[in-house]
Protein backbone atom coordinates (compact mmCIF):
# COMPACT_ATOMS: atom_id res chain seq x y z
CA MET A 1 115.96 81.66 117.53
CA GLU A 2 115.04 80.08 114.22
CA THR A 3 115.38 83.48 112.57
CA ARG A 4 118.85 83.83 114.07
CA ILE A 5 119.79 80.45 112.60
CA ARG A 6 118.48 81.45 109.17
CA LEU A 7 120.43 84.71 109.32
CA ALA A 8 123.59 82.88 110.40
CA LEU A 9 123.22 80.60 107.36
CA LEU A 10 122.63 83.56 105.05
CA PHE A 11 125.49 85.65 106.46
CA GLY A 12 127.67 82.53 106.29
CA GLY A 13 127.17 82.36 102.53
CA LEU A 14 124.55 79.62 102.34
CA PRO A 15 121.16 79.95 100.70
CA LEU A 16 118.15 80.46 102.92
CA PRO A 17 116.58 77.13 103.86
CA VAL A 18 112.94 76.21 103.41
CA VAL A 19 111.09 76.89 106.66
CA GLN A 20 108.63 74.52 108.34
CA HIS A 21 109.27 71.83 105.74
CA PRO A 22 106.77 68.95 106.05
CA VAL A 23 108.05 65.39 106.28
CA GLY A 24 105.17 63.01 106.91
CA PRO A 25 103.43 64.02 110.14
CA TYR A 26 106.34 66.29 111.15
CA ARG A 27 107.68 69.69 110.18
CA LEU A 28 111.37 70.49 110.18
CA ASP A 29 112.18 73.98 111.46
CA MET A 30 114.33 74.49 108.36
CA ALA A 31 115.52 72.27 105.54
CA TYR A 32 117.50 71.96 102.37
CA PRO A 33 115.12 69.38 100.87
CA ALA A 34 117.17 68.56 97.77
CA LEU A 35 119.92 67.14 100.00
CA CYS A 36 117.63 65.88 102.79
CA ILE A 37 119.31 68.13 105.34
CA GLY A 38 117.21 69.35 108.24
CA ILE A 39 118.08 72.14 110.67
CA GLU A 40 116.38 72.33 114.05
CA TYR A 41 116.50 74.65 117.02
CA ASP A 42 116.28 72.61 120.20
CA GLY A 43 115.15 74.89 123.00
CA ARG A 44 114.83 74.16 126.69
CA GLU A 45 111.63 72.13 126.18
CA HIS A 46 113.70 69.44 124.42
CA LEU A 47 115.43 68.65 127.73
CA THR A 48 112.47 66.91 129.33
CA GLN A 49 112.39 63.12 129.30
CA GLU A 50 108.98 63.05 127.60
CA ARG A 51 110.12 65.40 124.83
CA ALA A 52 113.38 63.50 124.40
CA MET A 53 111.39 60.30 123.78
CA ARG A 54 109.19 62.04 121.19
CA ASP A 55 112.31 63.48 119.55
CA LEU A 56 113.77 59.97 119.26
CA ASP A 57 110.61 58.72 117.54
CA ARG A 58 110.68 61.74 115.25
CA GLN A 59 114.35 61.17 114.40
CA ALA A 60 113.66 57.52 113.58
CA TYR A 61 110.86 58.58 111.23
CA LEU A 62 113.06 61.17 109.49
CA THR A 63 115.88 58.68 109.06
CA ALA A 64 113.51 56.07 107.61
CA ALA A 65 112.16 58.75 105.25
CA GLY A 66 115.67 59.28 103.84
CA TRP A 67 116.76 62.43 105.65
CA ARG A 68 120.53 62.09 105.73
CA LYS A 69 121.40 64.73 108.33
CA ILE A 70 119.49 66.69 110.95
CA PHE A 71 121.48 69.50 112.54
CA ARG A 72 120.34 70.46 116.03
CA PHE A 73 121.42 73.76 117.52
CA ARG A 74 120.86 74.98 121.06
CA ALA A 75 120.78 78.50 122.46
CA GLY A 76 124.44 78.51 123.47
CA THR A 77 125.51 77.99 119.87
CA VAL A 78 122.89 80.26 118.32
CA LEU A 79 123.68 83.15 120.66
CA GLY A 80 127.34 82.56 121.49
CA HIS A 81 128.82 80.96 118.39
CA PRO A 82 126.56 81.68 115.41
CA THR A 83 129.39 81.26 112.90
CA ALA A 84 129.54 77.59 113.90
CA ILE A 85 126.13 77.08 112.28
CA PRO A 86 127.02 77.76 108.62
CA SER A 87 130.44 76.17 109.16
CA ALA A 88 128.86 72.88 110.24
CA VAL A 89 126.32 72.87 107.42
CA ARG A 90 128.92 73.83 104.81
CA ALA A 91 131.29 71.09 106.00
CA TYR A 92 128.53 68.52 105.63
CA VAL A 93 127.56 69.78 102.16
CA GLU A 94 131.20 69.68 101.06
CA GLY A 95 131.53 66.14 102.40
CA GLU A 96 128.38 65.12 100.55
CA ALA A 97 129.82 66.63 97.35
CA ARG A 98 133.06 64.65 97.80
CA ARG A 99 131.03 61.48 98.40
CA ARG A 100 129.16 62.11 95.14
CA GLY A 101 132.33 63.14 93.28
CA VAL A 102 131.03 66.60 92.34
CA SER A 103 131.76 70.20 93.18
CA PRO A 104 129.82 71.57 96.17
CA ALA A 105 128.61 74.38 93.92
CA THR A 106 126.79 71.86 91.72
CA LEU A 107 124.78 70.29 94.54
CA PRO A 108 121.13 71.34 94.52
CA ILE A 109 120.89 72.63 98.10
CA THR A 110 117.39 74.01 97.72
CA ALA A 111 114.49 72.53 95.79
CA ALA A 112 113.96 73.87 92.30
């Protein structure tokens, strides 16, 4: 499913994200580190109460570490609406560019 997300981003005109990007004790499935944007696939195992509690701790850590946005996609989106993936990420990047007062094309999406 992570490969499908990466392909959706690529086919949607975005650069390929860094995979398994480390942030402290965690690894993001995919990331655009220069903008602190994470992209995660949340499969069925994320629906258990125990996993949900671990995910909350993980999210708190990522937020404290400065990660501005973590996108979470489930199977229904990945399989049924893959074009929603790059659309959501692009909309966030464009909003971030407006916030910074620059063109989206000038934002360093991937690390140099």
